[in-house]
Amino acid sequence: MTHAARASRRRFLTTILTLSAAASFAVPIAACATRTFPFIPDHYTFSQRQVQQAVARKFPYRRTVSQFFDVALTDPAVGFAPDANRVTVKLDAHVSSPFLQQPVDGVFTLSSRLEYDGAQRAIVLRSPNVESVDVQGEVRAYQQQIEAAGALAAAQWLDGYPIYTFKPEELQFAGATFEPGTITILTNGIRVQIVEK
């Protein structure tokens, strides 16, 4: 093989390798791009840590509910329930009332769906409810009332609370406006689809 032929073959192999490498990098980028603008993402993903930080800003929470129960909620721990497509929040609860001989400590577990609020440009908690209340001892006789107080507190305090607010530039590009679409709860985060408005 002549020197010229070897050089030509080397150039050909280098070109093939370069094109193969470029193709392998292009596939994952295209997989998360919109059809309209192939270089912007078609979804945002929020980690458990990001959601935890957003929810934690709302606590501690103290309120008198139904004039008879003083409820204090602290130390939120965010989790995900992908099978129900809901976010869960476990809270330490401290409840006092004239009905109780002494204040009661326990754990409330709340769950909430997520939706996009266009007025706030935010992903918000929507329709939170109490999944369980874990309290000990004689106060179990008042478990129903404590659950009702917790549900009322959750609805008043967390319904509509934003866990992420989009900046205007995150939803606009090249004269087109985008908005969040389907919100999917994963085992380790939240995936928000971005679609053209």
C-alpha atoms as a PDB file:
ATOM      1  CA  MET A   1       0.000   0.000   0.000  1.00  0.00           C
ATOM      2  CA  THR A   2       1.428   3.383  -1.056  1.00  0.00           C
ATOM      3  CA  HIS A   3       1.860   6.290   1.305  1.00  0.00           C
ATOM      4  CA  ALA A   4      -0.913   8.238  -0.489  1.00  0.00           C
ATOM      5  CA  ALA A   5      -3.338   5.303  -0.215  1.00  0.00           C
ATOM      6  CA  ARG A   6      -2.598   4.907   3.517  1.00  0.00           C
ATOM      7  CA  ALA A   7      -3.195   8.629   4.120  1.00  0.00           C
ATOM      8  CA  SER A   8      -6.464   8.510   2.172  1.00  0.00           C
ATOM      9  CA  ARG A   9      -7.637   5.445   4.132  1.00  0.00           C
ATOM     10  CA  ARG A  10      -6.737   7.156   7.442  1.00  0.00           C
ATOM     11  CA  ARG A  11      -8.762  10.263   6.455  1.00  0.00           C
ATOM     12  CA  PHE A  12     -11.725   8.059   5.513  1.00  0.00           C
ATOM     13  CA  LEU A  13     -11.632   6.180   8.867  1.00  0.00           C
ATOM     14  CA  THR A  14     -11.263   9.439  10.822  1.00  0.00           C
ATOM     15  CA  THR A  15     -14.308  10.889   9.031  1.00  0.00           C
ATOM     16  CA  ILE A  16     -16.402   7.774   9.771  1.00  0.00           C
ATOM     17  CA  LEU A  17     -15.402   7.800  13.461  1.00  0.00           C
ATOM     18  CA  THR A  18     -16.174  11.525  13.769  1.00  0.00           C
ATOM     19  CA  LEU A  19     -19.622  11.109  12.183  1.00  0.00           C
ATOM     20  CA  SER A  20     -20.389   8.103  14.411  1.00  0.00           C
ATOM     21  CA  ALA A  21     -19.420  10.037  17.549  1.00  0.00           C
ATOM     22  CA  ALA A  22     -21.513  13.024  16.493  1.00  0.00           C
ATOM     23  CA  ALA A  23     -24.516  10.780  15.852  1.00  0.00           C
ATOM     24  CA  SER A  24     -24.219   9.098  19.239  1.00  0.00           C
ATOM     25  CA  PHE A  25     -24.242  12.517  20.990  1.00  0.00           C
ATOM     26  CA  ALA A  26     -27.114  13.839  18.868  1.00  0.00           C
ATOM     27  CA  VAL A  27     -29.564  11.066  19.755  1.00  0.00           C
ATOM     28  CA  PRO A  28     -30.005  11.816  23.505  1.00  0.00           C
ATOM     29  CA  ILE A  29     -30.196  15.565  22.856  1.00  0.00           C
ATOM     30  CA  ALA A  30     -32.912  15.120  20.231  1.00  0.00           C
ATOM     31  CA  ALA A  31     -34.818  12.784  22.527  1.00  0.00           C
ATOM     32  CA  CYS A  32     -35.549  15.658  24.927  1.00  0.00           C
ATOM     33  CA  ALA A  33     -36.140  18.434  22.401  1.00  0.00           C
ATOM     34  CA  THR A  34     -39.352  19.895  21.009  1.00  0.00           C
ATOM     35  CA  ARG A  35     -40.352  19.343  17.387  1.00  0.00           C
ATOM     36  CA  THR A  36     -40.628  23.077  16.806  1.00  0.00           C
ATOM     37  CA  PHE A  37     -37.217  23.964  18.259  1.00  0.00           C
ATOM     38  CA  PRO A  38     -34.947  20.907  18.365  1.00  0.00           C
ATOM     39  CA  PHE A  39     -32.436  22.593  20.673  1.00  0.00           C
ATOM     40  CA  ILE A  40     -34.691  23.365  23.646  1.00  0.00           C
ATOM     41  CA  PRO A  41     -35.935  20.713  26.119  1.00  0.00           C
ATOM     42  CA  ASP A  42     -39.442  19.272  25.887  1.00  0.00           C
ATOM     43  CA  HIS A  43     -39.602  18.759  29.655  1.00  0.00           C
ATOM     44  CA  TYR A  44     -38.215  19.858  32.997  1.00  0.00           C
ATOM     45  CA  THR A  45     -37.407  17.425  35.789  1.00  0.00           C
ATOM     46  CA  PHE A  46     -37.397  18.440  39.454  1.00  0.00           C
ATOM     47  CA  SER A  47     -35.552  16.328  41.989  1.00  0.00           C
ATOM     48  CA  GLN A  48     -36.815  15.275  45.400  1.00  0.00           C
ATOM     49  CA  ARG A  49     -34.280  17.683  46.918  1.00  0.00           C
ATOM     50  CA  GLN A  50     -35.660  20.665  44.971  1.00  0.00           C
ATOM     51  CA  VAL A  51     -39.233  19.878  46.013  1.00  0.00           C
ATOM     52  CA  GLN A  52     -38.135  19.304  49.616  1.00  0.00           C
ATOM     53  CA  GLN A  53     -36.470  22.739  49.721  1.00  0.00           C
ATOM     54  CA  ALA A  54     -39.566  24.437  48.263  1.00  0.00           C
ATOM     55  CA  VAL A  55     -41.976  22.775  50.716  1.00  0.00           C
ATOM     56  CA  ALA A  56     -39.669  23.305  53.725  1.00  0.00           C
ATOM     57  CA  ARG A  57     -39.901  27.094  53.223  1.00  0.00           C
ATOM     58  CA  LYS A  58     -43.569  26.902  54.230  1.00  0.00           C
ATOM     59  CA  PHE A  59     -42.860  25.483  57.695  1.00  0.00           C
ATOM     60  CA  PRO A  60     -43.144  25.570  60.673  1.00  0.00           C
ATOM     61  CA  TYR A  61     -46.921  26.060  60.562  1.00  0.00           C
ATOM     62  CA  ARG A  62     -49.097  26.911  63.558  1.00  0.00           C
ATOM     63  CA  ARG A  63     -52.799  27.552  63.544  1.00  0.00           C
ATOM     64  CA  THR A  64     -55.944  27.212  65.631  1.00  0.00           C
ATOM     65  CA  VAL A  65     -58.380  25.022  63.753  1.00  0.00           C
ATOM     66  CA  SER A  66     -62.134  24.963  64.433  1.00  0.00           C
ATOM     67  CA  GLN A  67     -61.487  27.056  67.587  1.00  0.00           C
ATOM     68  CA  PHE A  68     -60.662  23.920  69.584  1.00  0.00           C
ATOM     69  CA  PHE A  69     -57.381  22.533  68.218  1.00  0.00           C
ATOM     70  CA  ASP A  70     -54.024  24.288  68.131  1.00  0.00           C
ATOM     71  CA  VAL A  71     -52.014  22.528  65.430  1.00  0.00           C
ATOM     72  CA  ALA A  72     -48.258  22.922  64.907  1.00  0.00           C
ATOM     73  CA  LEU A  73     -46.705  21.161  61.902  1.00  0.00           C
ATOM     74  CA  THR A  74     -42.912  20.951  61.471  1.00  0.00           C
ATOM     75  CA  ASP A  75     -40.109  19.037  59.736  1.00  0.00           C
ATOM     76  CA  PRO A  76     -41.730  18.193  56.381  1.00  0.00           C
ATOM     77  CA  ALA A  77     -40.287  15.167  54.543  1.00  0.00           C
ATOM     78  CA  VAL A  78     -41.257  15.043  50.859  1.00  0.00           C
ATOM     79  CA  GLY A  79     -41.808  11.742  49.075  1.00  0.00           C
ATOM     80  CA  PHE A  80     -43.368  10.572  45.822  1.00  0.00           C
ATOM     81  CA  ALA A  81     -46.259   8.204  45.110  1.00  0.00           C
ATOM     82  CA  PRO A  82     -45.916   7.524  41.359  1.00  0.00           C
ATOM     83  CA  ASP A  83     -48.736   4.952  41.337  1.00  0.00           C
ATOM     84  CA  ALA A  84     -51.172   7.668  42.486  1.00  0.00           C
ATOM     85  CA  ASN A  85     -49.295  10.491  40.679  1.00  0.00           C
ATOM     86  CA  ARG A  86     -49.146  12.444  43.940  1.00  0.00           C
ATOM     87  CA  VAL A  87     -46.529  14.087  46.146  1.00  0.00           C
ATOM     88  CA  THR A  88     -46.502  13.034  49.804  1.00  0.00           C
ATOM     89  CA  VAL A  89     -45.434  15.143  52.780  1.00  0.00           C
ATOM     90  CA  LYS A  90     -44.810  13.584  56.188  1.00  0.00           C
ATOM     91  CA  LEU A  91     -44.982  16.093  59.067  1.00  0.00           C
ATOM     92  CA  ASP A  92     -44.319  16.073  62.773  1.00  0.00           C
ATOM     93  CA  ALA A  93     -47.490  17.300  64.455  1.00  0.00           C
ATOM     94  CA  HIS A  94     -48.137  18.821  67.869  1.00  0.00           C
ATOM     95  CA  VAL A  95     -51.812  19.165  68.801  1.00  0.00           C
ATOM     96  CA  SER A  96     -53.283  20.763  71.909  1.00  0.00           C
ATOM     97  CA  SER A  97     -56.929  21.229  72.810  1.00  0.00           C
ATOM     98  CA  PRO A  98     -59.205  21.715  75.833  1.00  0.00           C
ATOM     99  CA  PHE A  99     -60.509  18.227  74.973  1.00  0.00           C
ATOM    100  CA  LEU A 100     -57.084  16.683  75.599  1.00  0.00           C
ATOM    101  CA  GLN A 101     -55.557  16.255  79.046  1.00  0.00           C
ATOM    102  CA  GLN A 102     -52.155  17.093  77.572  1.00  0.00           C
ATOM    103  CA  PRO A 103     -50.769  18.067  74.155  1.00  0.00           C
ATOM    104  CA  VAL A 104     -50.274  15.228  71.713  1.00  0.00           C
ATOM    105  CA  ASP A 105     -47.370  14.572  69.357  1.00  0.00           C
ATOM    106  CA  GLY A 106     -47.779  12.489  66.243  1.00  0.00           C
ATOM    107  CA  VAL A 107     -47.099  12.249  62.519  1.00  0.00           C
ATOM    108  CA  PHE A 108     -49.395  13.476  59.749  1.00  0.00           C
ATOM    109  CA  THR A 109     -48.942  12.150  56.224  1.00  0.00           C
ATOM    110  CA  LEU A 110     -50.441  14.360  53.524  1.00  0.00           C
ATOM    111  CA  SER A 111     -50.636  13.837  49.797  1.00  0.00           C
ATOM    112  CA  SER A 112     -51.285  16.295  47.003  1.00  0.00           C
ATOM    113  CA  ARG A 113     -51.631  16.305  43.268  1.00  0.00           C
ATOM    114  CA  LEU A 114     -49.749  18.884  41.218  1.00  0.00           C
ATOM    115  CA  GLU A 115     -51.038  21.241  38.557  1.00  0.00           C
ATOM    116  CA  TYR A 116     -49.834  24.213  36.556  1.00  0.00           C
ATOM    117  CA  ASP A 117     -51.231  27.598  37.624  1.00  0.00           C
ATOM    118  CA  GLY A 118     -50.944  29.901  34.614  1.00  0.00           C
ATOM    119  CA  ALA A 119     -51.544  33.099  36.614  1.00  0.00           C
ATOM    120  CA  GLN A 120     -48.545  32.335  38.862  1.00  0.00           C
ATOM    121  CA  ARG A 121     -46.561  30.551  36.093  1.00  0.00           C
ATOM    122  CA  ALA A 122     -45.973  27.903  38.755  1.00  0.00           C
ATOM    123  CA  ILE A 123     -46.339  24.212  39.499  1.00  0.00           C
ATOM    124  CA  VAL A 124     -48.516  24.193  42.624  1.00  0.00           C
ATOM    125  CA  LEU A 125     -49.785  21.729  45.216  1.00  0.00           C
ATOM    126  CA  ARG A 126     -53.484  21.146  44.613  1.00  0.00           C
ATOM    127  CA  SER A 127     -56.176  19.531  46.802  1.00  0.00           C
ATOM    128  CA  PRO A 128     -53.897  18.241  49.587  1.00  0.00           C
ATOM    129  CA  ASN A 129     -55.463  15.765  51.956  1.00  0.00           C
ATOM    130  CA  VAL A 130     -54.507  13.823  55.057  1.00  0.00           C
ATOM    131  CA  GLU A 131     -53.623  10.213  54.230  1.00  0.00           C
ATOM    132  CA  SER A 132     -52.882   9.139  57.799  1.00  0.00           C
ATOM    133  CA  VAL A 133     -52.499  10.409  61.349  1.00  0.00           C
ATOM    134  CA  ASP A 134     -50.325   8.449  63.748  1.00  0.00           C
ATOM    135  CA  VAL A 135     -50.972   9.390  67.386  1.00  0.00           C
ATOM    136  CA  GLN A 136     -50.609   7.297  70.510  1.00  0.00           C
ATOM    137  CA  GLY A 137     -52.502   6.649  73.740  1.00  0.00           C
ATOM    138  CA  GLU A 138     -55.838   7.927  74.964  1.00  0.00           C
ATOM    139  CA  VAL A 139     -56.079  10.610  72.295  1.00  0.00           C
ATOM    140  CA  ARG A 140     -57.117   7.984  69.768  1.00  0.00           C
ATOM    141  CA  ALA A 141     -60.654   8.690  70.936  1.00  0.00           C
ATOM    142  CA  TYR A 142     -60.224  12.086  69.243  1.00  0.00           C
ATOM    143  CA  GLN A 143     -58.444  10.758  66.158  1.00  0.00           C
ATOM    144  CA  GLN A 144     -61.306  11.740  63.842  1.00  0.00           C
ATOM    145  CA  GLN A 145     -61.291  15.327  65.098  1.00  0.00           C
ATOM    146  CA  ILE A 146     -57.490  15.496  64.884  1.00  0.00           C
ATOM    147  CA  GLU A 147     -57.607  14.179  61.295  1.00  0.00           C
ATOM    148  CA  ALA A 148     -60.275  16.761  60.413  1.00  0.00           C
ATOM    149  CA  ALA A 149     -58.142  19.523  61.969  1.00  0.00           C
ATOM    150  CA  GLY A 150     -55.112  18.318  59.999  1.00  0.00           C
ATOM    151  CA  ALA A 151     -57.103  18.171  56.755  1.00  0.00           C
ATOM    152  CA  LEU A 152     -58.398  21.707  57.281  1.00  0.00           C
ATOM    153  CA  ALA A 153     -54.898  22.948  58.085  1.00  0.00           C
ATOM    154  CA  ALA A 154     -53.495  21.274  54.955  1.00  0.00           C
ATOM    155  CA  ALA A 155     -56.203  22.727  52.738  1.00  0.00           C
ATOM    156  CA  GLN A 156     -55.795  26.245  54.134  1.00  0.00           C
ATOM    157  CA  TRP A 157     -52.027  26.263  54.187  1.00  0.00           C
ATOM    158  CA  LEU A 158     -50.789  24.169  51.269  1.00  0.00           C
ATOM    159  CA  ASP A 159     -53.479  24.311  48.571  1.00  0.00           C
ATOM    160  CA  GLY A 160     -52.098  26.385  45.704  1.00  0.00           C
ATOM    161  CA  TYR A 161     -48.614  26.591  47.209  1.00  0.00           C
ATOM    162  CA  PRO A 162     -45.979  26.858  44.417  1.00  0.00           C
ATOM    163  CA  ILE A 163     -43.138  24.344  44.416  1.00  0.00           C
ATOM    164  CA  TYR A 164     -41.565  25.862  41.283  1.00  0.00           C
ATOM    165  CA  THR A 165     -42.170  29.174  39.522  1.00  0.00           C
ATOM    166  CA  PHE A 166     -41.038  29.464  35.905  1.00  0.00           C
ATOM    167  CA  LYS A 167     -39.154  32.536  34.758  1.00  0.00           C
ATOM    168  CA  PRO A 168     -40.741  34.155  31.665  1.00  0.00           C
ATOM    169  CA  GLU A 169     -37.682  33.297  29.548  1.00  0.00           C
ATOM    170  CA  GLU A 170     -38.064  29.604  30.416  1.00  0.00           C
ATOM    171  CA  LEU A 171     -41.420  29.524  28.621  1.00  0.00           C
ATOM    172  CA  GLN A 172     -40.621  31.711  25.585  1.00  0.00           C
ATOM    173  CA  PHE A 173     -38.325  31.162  22.645  1.00  0.00           C
ATOM    174  CA  ALA A 174     -38.011  32.738  19.199  1.00  0.00           C
ATOM    175  CA  GLY A 175     -41.414  34.412  19.494  1.00  0.00           C
ATOM    176  CA  ALA A 176     -43.176  31.190  20.538  1.00  0.00           C
ATOM    177  CA  THR A 177     -44.772  30.719  23.964  1.00  0.00           C
ATOM    178  CA  PHE A 178     -44.657  27.423  25.826  1.00  0.00           C
ATOM    179  CA  GLU A 179     -46.435  26.102  28.900  1.00  0.00           C
ATOM    180  CA  PRO A 180     -46.260  23.053  31.142  1.00  0.00           C
ATOM    181  CA  GLY A 181     -48.401  20.110  30.045  1.00  0.00           C
ATOM    182  CA  THR A 182     -48.586  16.672  31.650  1.00  0.00           C
ATOM    183  CA  ILE A 183     -47.050  16.424  35.130  1.00  0.00           C
ATOM    184  CA  THR A 184     -45.758  12.961  36.012  1.00  0.00           C
ATOM    185  CA  ILE A 185     -44.577  11.882  39.456  1.00  0.00           C
ATOM    186  CA  LEU A 186     -41.580   9.565  39.184  1.00  0.00           C
ATOM    187  CA  THR A 187     -39.967   7.491  41.926  1.00  0.00           C
ATOM    188  CA  ASN A 188     -37.195  10.076  42.342  1.00  0.00           C
ATOM    189  CA  GLY A 189     -38.576  13.316  40.946  1.00  0.00           C
ATOM    190  CA  ILE A 190     -41.235  15.163  38.982  1.00  0.00           C
ATOM    191  CA  ARG A 191     -41.300  15.376  35.174  1.00  0.00           C
ATOM    192  CA  VAL A 192     -43.134  18.368  33.671  1.00  0.00           C
ATOM    193  CA  GLN A 193     -43.839  18.255  29.950  1.00  0.00           C
ATOM    194  CA  ILE A 194     -43.338  21.551  28.054  1.00  0.00           C
ATOM    195  CA  VAL A 195     -45.626  22.144  25.063  1.00  0.00           C
ATOM    196  CA  GLU A 196     -46.139  25.030  22.650  1.00  0.00           C
ATOM    197  CA  LYS A 197     -49.101  27.197  23.645  1.00  0.00           C
END
